[in-house]
Amino acid sequence: MDEKPMMADGQKDAPRGSLLRSVAGIAVRGELFFVARRKRDATEMSQRWEFPGGKVEADESDEAALVREFLEEFNAPITVLRFLGESMFANKGKVRALAAWEISLEPAHISMLNEHSEAAWLPLDAIVEMDLADSDRALIPILEASVKDNR
């Protein structure tokens, strides 16, 4: 039985192969979540906070994309733990699915900020108040449910 991923609004989404996919790595330490602020550039993501991750390449699993992205962006090894949920967002006129995965990330393993100007471990209520990428903001209900489930 192939179960479709659940979206933030509780609706089932299209099959994974039919949409462009992005992934977000959700690292949690107690009640703190890892977020990073993008470097200043000419894009809409300039200086916005995000749950790091990126685009899933052709013939790449979500998990492999997360491992690759964290090595590229932070030179940090991670372990992908579990799927949390996904939401939909539009980017440059294309609809993408953003899948949130809980990961294990050791703060001491972050040895560089390649695409970010800063990184922090913060409680979810502080992250909600930040200039968060719209696509990542759509993950907040999923993360709130995850936090509630783990208490």
Protein backbone atom coordinates (compact mmCIF):
# COMPACT_ATOMS: atom_id res chain seq x y z
CA MET A 1 0.00 0.00 0.00
CA ASP A 2 1.65 3.25 -1.16
CA GLU A 3 0.53 5.99 1.22
CA LYS A 4 0.79 9.55 -0.10
CA PRO A 5 2.51 12.07 2.20
CA MET A 6 0.29 14.22 4.39
CA MET A 7 0.43 17.97 3.85
CA ALA A 8 0.26 20.62 6.56
CA ASP A 9 -3.46 21.12 5.92
CA GLY A 10 -4.17 17.40 6.32
CA GLN A 11 -4.79 16.82 2.60
CA LYS A 12 -3.07 14.07 0.65
CA ASP A 13 -0.79 15.39 -2.05
CA ALA A 14 0.07 14.21 -5.53
CA PRO A 15 2.44 11.24 -5.88
CA ARG A 16 6.05 12.13 -5.12
CA GLY A 17 7.31 11.72 -8.68
CA SER A 18 4.82 14.15 -10.21
CA LEU A 19 6.04 17.38 -8.53
CA LEU A 20 9.34 19.16 -8.21
CA ARG A 21 10.63 18.46 -4.70
CA SER A 22 12.61 20.32 -2.12
CA VAL A 23 13.59 19.11 1.34
CA ALA A 24 14.10 20.81 4.68
CA GLY A 25 16.22 19.28 7.42
CA ILE A 26 14.64 19.80 10.83
CA ALA A 27 17.27 19.41 13.53
CA VAL A 28 15.90 19.47 17.08
CA ARG A 29 17.80 19.66 20.37
CA GLY A 30 15.33 19.63 23.27
CA GLU A 31 12.92 22.42 22.32
CA LEU A 32 15.38 24.22 20.02
CA PHE A 33 15.33 24.02 16.22
CA PHE A 34 18.27 24.68 13.89
CA VAL A 35 17.74 27.56 11.46
CA ALA A 36 20.11 29.48 9.22
CA ARG A 37 19.97 32.92 7.61
CA ARG A 38 20.75 33.12 3.90
CA LYS A 39 23.55 35.42 2.77
CA ARG A 40 22.67 38.73 1.15
CA ASP A 41 22.17 38.28 -2.59
CA ALA A 42 19.78 39.34 -5.37
CA THR A 43 17.22 36.58 -4.75
CA GLU A 44 13.94 36.62 -2.81
CA MET A 45 15.67 34.45 -0.17
CA SER A 46 18.28 37.12 0.59
CA GLN A 47 18.83 37.36 4.35
CA ARG A 48 15.76 35.27 5.17
CA TRP A 49 15.81 32.49 7.73
CA GLU A 50 15.14 28.89 6.76
CA PHE A 51 15.25 25.30 7.83
CA PRO A 52 18.22 24.31 5.64
CA GLY A 53 17.88 21.92 2.75
CA GLY A 54 17.38 22.32 -0.96
CA LYS A 55 16.17 20.86 -4.21
CA VAL A 56 15.98 17.12 -4.74
CA GLU A 57 17.87 16.24 -7.92
CA ALA A 58 16.66 13.72 -10.51
CA ASP A 59 17.00 10.11 -9.31
CA GLU A 60 17.87 11.31 -5.79
CA SER A 61 15.91 10.39 -2.67
CA ASP A 62 14.85 13.02 -0.15
CA GLU A 63 17.28 11.53 2.34
CA ALA A 64 20.22 11.63 -0.09
CA ALA A 65 19.37 15.24 -1.00
CA LEU A 66 19.45 16.25 2.68
CA VAL A 67 22.79 14.56 3.29
CA ARG A 68 24.24 16.26 0.17
CA GLU A 69 22.81 19.69 1.02
CA PHE A 70 24.11 19.70 4.61
CA LEU A 71 27.58 18.70 3.39
CA GLU A 72 27.52 21.43 0.73
CA GLU A 73 26.11 24.17 2.95
CA PHE A 74 27.69 23.43 6.35
CA ASN A 75 30.26 20.67 5.73
CA ALA A 76 28.24 18.82 8.35
CA PRO A 77 27.32 15.12 8.32
CA ILE A 78 23.73 14.37 9.30
CA THR A 79 21.55 11.35 9.91
CA VAL A 80 18.00 11.46 8.51
CA LEU A 81 15.63 10.19 11.21
CA ARG A 82 12.01 10.43 10.08
CA PHE A 83 9.57 12.09 7.70
CA LEU A 84 7.50 14.82 9.39
CA GLY A 85 5.23 16.03 6.59
CA GLU A 86 5.20 18.33 3.59
CA SER A 87 3.64 21.46 2.19
CA MET A 88 3.33 23.03 -1.25
CA PHE A 89 4.82 26.31 -2.46
CA ALA A 90 5.35 28.18 -5.72
CA ASN A 91 8.80 29.24 -6.90
CA LYS A 92 9.39 31.02 -10.21
CA GLY A 93 5.97 29.95 -11.45
CA LYS A 94 6.47 26.26 -10.61
CA VAL A 95 4.73 24.39 -7.81
CA ARG A 96 7.07 22.46 -5.54
CA ALA A 97 6.56 20.10 -2.64
CA LEU A 98 8.66 20.88 0.45
CA ALA A 99 9.22 17.77 2.55
CA ALA A 100 10.26 18.21 6.18
CA TRP A 101 12.49 15.50 7.63
CA GLU A 102 13.78 15.32 11.17
CA ILE A 103 17.55 14.99 11.16
CA SER A 104 20.31 14.48 13.68
CA LEU A 105 22.88 17.29 13.50
CA GLU A 106 25.66 17.79 16.01
CA PRO A 107 26.39 21.53 16.50
CA ALA A 108 30.12 20.82 16.71
CA HIS A 109 30.05 19.31 13.19
CA ILE A 110 29.06 22.60 11.53
CA SER A 111 32.40 23.74 10.16
CA MET A 112 31.35 26.38 7.63
CA LEU A 113 28.50 28.58 6.48
CA ASN A 114 28.68 28.35 2.70
CA GLU A 115 25.28 29.82 1.74
CA HIS A 116 24.34 31.39 5.07
CA SER A 117 25.55 34.36 7.10
CA GLU A 118 24.51 32.94 10.47
CA ALA A 119 22.91 29.94 12.12
CA ALA A 120 21.13 29.46 15.42
CA TRP A 121 19.28 26.99 17.66
CA LEU A 122 16.02 28.66 18.67
CA PRO A 123 12.61 27.77 20.10
CA LEU A 124 9.78 27.51 17.59
CA ASP A 125 7.93 30.51 19.05
CA ALA A 126 10.97 32.72 18.29
CA ILE A 127 11.35 31.28 14.77
CA VAL A 128 7.71 32.10 13.98
CA GLU A 129 8.49 35.80 14.62
CA MET A 130 11.52 35.87 12.28
CA ASP A 131 11.74 36.79 8.59
CA LEU A 132 11.28 33.16 7.60
CA ALA A 133 11.10 31.95 4.02
CA ASP A 134 7.44 31.57 3.02
CA SER A 135 7.95 27.93 2.04
CA ASP A 136 9.46 27.16 5.45
CA ARG A 137 6.74 29.11 7.29
CA ALA A 138 4.24 26.65 5.80
CA LEU A 139 6.05 23.89 7.76
CA ILE A 140 5.33 25.50 11.15
CA PRO A 141 2.01 23.62 11.73
CA ILE A 142 3.82 20.34 11.01
CA LEU A 143 6.58 21.21 13.49
CA GLU A 144 4.10 22.39 16.14
CA ALA A 145 2.28 19.05 15.85
CA SER A 146 5.59 17.18 16.05
CA VAL A 147 6.62 19.07 19.20
CA LYS A 148 3.22 18.39 20.79
CA ASP A 149 3.42 14.69 19.90
CA ASN A 150 6.88 14.38 21.50
CA ARG A 151 5.85 15.88 24.86
